[in-house]
C-alpha atoms as a PDB file:
ATOM      1  CA  MET A   1       0.000   0.000   0.000  1.00  0.00           C
ATOM      2  CA  THR A   2       1.344   3.410  -0.947  1.00  0.00           C
ATOM      3  CA  LYS A   3       0.659   6.716   0.760  1.00  0.00           C
ATOM      4  CA  SER A   4      -1.794   7.610  -2.043  1.00  0.00           C
ATOM      5  CA  ASP A   5      -3.614   4.298  -1.537  1.00  0.00           C
ATOM      6  CA  LEU A   6      -3.873   5.002   2.180  1.00  0.00           C
ATOM      7  CA  ILE A   7      -5.271   8.497   1.582  1.00  0.00           C
ATOM      8  CA  ARG A   8      -7.776   7.166  -0.959  1.00  0.00           C
ATOM      9  CA  HIS A   9      -8.885   4.385   1.403  1.00  0.00           C
ATOM     10  CA  ILE A  10      -9.386   6.822   4.303  1.00  0.00           C
ATOM     11  CA  SER A  11     -11.285   9.194   2.034  1.00  0.00           C
ATOM     12  CA  VAL A  12     -13.674   6.487   0.800  1.00  0.00           C
ATOM     13  CA  LYS A  13     -14.124   4.697   4.132  1.00  0.00           C
ATOM     14  CA  ASN A  14     -14.883   7.883   6.072  1.00  0.00           C
ATOM     15  CA  GLU A  15     -16.738   9.620   3.240  1.00  0.00           C
ATOM     16  CA  ILE A  16     -14.544  12.725   3.347  1.00  0.00           C
ATOM     17  CA  PRO A  17     -12.986  14.614   0.450  1.00  0.00           C
ATOM     18  CA  TYR A  18      -9.580  13.392  -0.722  1.00  0.00           C
ATOM     19  CA  PRO A  19      -7.804  16.696   0.165  1.00  0.00           C
ATOM     20  CA  GLU A  20      -9.020  16.460   3.780  1.00  0.00           C
ATOM     21  CA  ALA A  21      -7.845  12.846   4.066  1.00  0.00           C
ATOM     22  CA  GLU A  22      -4.510  13.897   2.558  1.00  0.00           C
ATOM     23  CA  LYS A  23      -4.113  16.667   5.162  1.00  0.00           C
ATOM     24  CA  ALA A  24      -4.870  14.205   7.972  1.00  0.00           C
ATOM     25  CA  VAL A  25      -2.389  11.582   6.740  1.00  0.00           C
ATOM     26  CA  ASN A  26       0.311  14.222   6.177  1.00  0.00           C
ATOM     27  CA  ALA A  27      -0.284  15.628   9.682  1.00  0.00           C
ATOM     28  CA  VAL A  28       0.164  12.175  11.232  1.00  0.00           C
ATOM     29  CA  PHE A  29       3.347  11.455   9.269  1.00  0.00           C
ATOM     30  CA  ASP A  30       4.789  14.919   9.966  1.00  0.00           C
ATOM     31  CA  THR A  31       4.107  14.523  13.689  1.00  0.00           C
ATOM     32  CA  MET A  32       5.709  11.076  13.769  1.00  0.00           C
ATOM     33  CA  SER A  33       8.746  12.294  11.802  1.00  0.00           C
ATOM     34  CA  GLY A  34       9.147  15.276  14.115  1.00  0.00           C
ATOM     35  CA  ALA A  35       9.075  13.087  17.217  1.00  0.00           C
ATOM     36  CA  LEU A  36      11.688  10.717  15.763  1.00  0.00           C
ATOM     37  CA  LYS A  37      13.925  13.651  14.790  1.00  0.00           C
ATOM     38  CA  GLU A  38      13.745  14.839  18.416  1.00  0.00           C
ATOM     39  CA  GLY A  39      14.871  11.379  19.548  1.00  0.00           C
ATOM     40  CA  ARG A  40      11.459  10.365  20.907  1.00  0.00           C
ATOM     41  CA  ARG A  41       9.724   7.021  20.478  1.00  0.00           C
ATOM     42  CA  VAL A  42       6.385   6.738  18.638  1.00  0.00           C
ATOM     43  CA  GLU A  43       4.028   3.986  19.772  1.00  0.00           C
ATOM     44  CA  ILE A  44       0.781   3.032  18.061  1.00  0.00           C
ATOM     45  CA  ARG A  45      -0.991   0.512  20.281  1.00  0.00           C
ATOM     46  CA  GLY A  46      -1.961  -2.660  18.468  1.00  0.00           C
ATOM     47  CA  PHE A  47       0.296  -1.816  15.519  1.00  0.00           C
ATOM     48  CA  GLY A  48       3.865  -1.239  16.678  1.00  0.00           C
ATOM     49  CA  SER A  49       6.447   1.321  17.678  1.00  0.00           C
ATOM     50  CA  PHE A  50       9.146   3.366  15.990  1.00  0.00           C
ATOM     51  CA  ALA A  51      12.284   4.472  17.801  1.00  0.00           C
ATOM     52  CA  PRO A  52      15.478   6.157  16.625  1.00  0.00           C
ATOM     53  CA  ARG A  53      18.588   3.968  16.871  1.00  0.00           C
ATOM     54  CA  ASP A  54      22.206   5.036  16.818  1.00  0.00           C
ATOM     55  CA  TYR A  55      24.571   3.080  14.597  1.00  0.00           C
ATOM     56  CA  ASP A  56      28.352   3.314  14.874  1.00  0.00           C
ATOM     57  CA  GLY A  57      30.504   4.209  11.921  1.00  0.00           C
ATOM     58  CA  TYR A  58      32.430   1.451  10.176  1.00  0.00           C
ATOM     59  CA  MET A  59      34.732   0.733   7.278  1.00  0.00           C
ATOM     60  CA  GLY A  60      32.752  -0.436   4.245  1.00  0.00           C
ATOM     61  CA  ARG A  61      33.388  -1.128   0.586  1.00  0.00           C
ATOM     62  CA  ASN A  62      32.166   0.544  -2.563  1.00  0.00           C
ATOM     63  CA  PRO A  63      30.480  -2.376  -4.396  1.00  0.00           C
ATOM     64  CA  ARG A  64      31.432  -1.035  -7.846  1.00  0.00           C
ATOM     65  CA  THR A  65      35.108  -0.342  -7.259  1.00  0.00           C
ATOM     66  CA  GLY A  66      35.889  -2.416  -4.166  1.00  0.00           C
ATOM     67  CA  GLU A  67      37.454   0.714  -2.623  1.00  0.00           C
ATOM     68  CA  VAL A  68      37.398   0.883   1.181  1.00  0.00           C
ATOM     69  CA  VAL A  69      35.260   3.796   2.401  1.00  0.00           C
ATOM     70  CA  ASN A  70      34.471   5.212   5.800  1.00  0.00           C
ATOM     71  CA  VAL A  71      30.750   5.028   6.670  1.00  0.00           C
ATOM     72  CA  ALA A  72      29.868   7.740   9.181  1.00  0.00           C
ATOM     73  CA  PRO A  73      27.825   7.073  12.344  1.00  0.00           C
ATOM     74  CA  LYS A  74      24.104   7.569  11.766  1.00  0.00           C
ATOM     75  CA  LYS A  75      20.638   7.364  13.266  1.00  0.00           C
ATOM     76  CA  LEU A  76      17.916   5.292  11.633  1.00  0.00           C
ATOM     77  CA  PRO A  77      14.315   4.583  12.634  1.00  0.00           C
ATOM     78  CA  HIS A  78      13.693   1.090  13.986  1.00  0.00           C
ATOM     79  CA  PHE A  79      10.230  -0.509  13.844  1.00  0.00           C
ATOM     80  CA  LYS A  80       9.040  -3.123  16.294  1.00  0.00           C
ATOM     81  CA  CYS A  81       5.770  -4.871  15.524  1.00  0.00           C
ATOM     82  CA  GLY A  82       3.120  -4.873  18.263  1.00  0.00           C
ATOM     83  CA  LYS A  83       1.828  -8.095  19.820  1.00  0.00           C
ATOM     84  CA  GLU A  84      -1.680  -7.759  18.317  1.00  0.00           C
ATOM     85  CA  MET A  85      -0.289  -7.154  14.815  1.00  0.00           C
ATOM     86  CA  ARG A  86       2.152 -10.048  15.098  1.00  0.00           C
ATOM     87  CA  GLU A  87      -0.646 -12.389  16.215  1.00  0.00           C
ATOM     88  CA  ALA A  88      -2.942 -11.191  13.409  1.00  0.00           C
ATOM     89  CA  LEU A  89      -0.247 -11.805  10.807  1.00  0.00           C
ATOM     90  CA  ASN A  90       0.452 -15.300  12.112  1.00  0.00           C
ATOM     91  CA  ALA A  91      -3.192 -16.383  12.603  1.00  0.00           C
END
């Protein structure tokens, strides 16, 4: 499912205009992104949680040239599936 599919589904299911559904979906994603950028965890009960994780730098390789390159430390979002979602997927 793409973001457009999600917006369309919300619009049809709730009988609201597409632009209003788009604003709502964008507001949710912007709020979640903002919280992760601030280093905060985002939890959606029954679905899962997102949390920023720190990763150390390391020496990697350029796959085209084989040249050794330094990969800088970084933060990436980590998703952990909720218990209800995990059970629903495995039912």
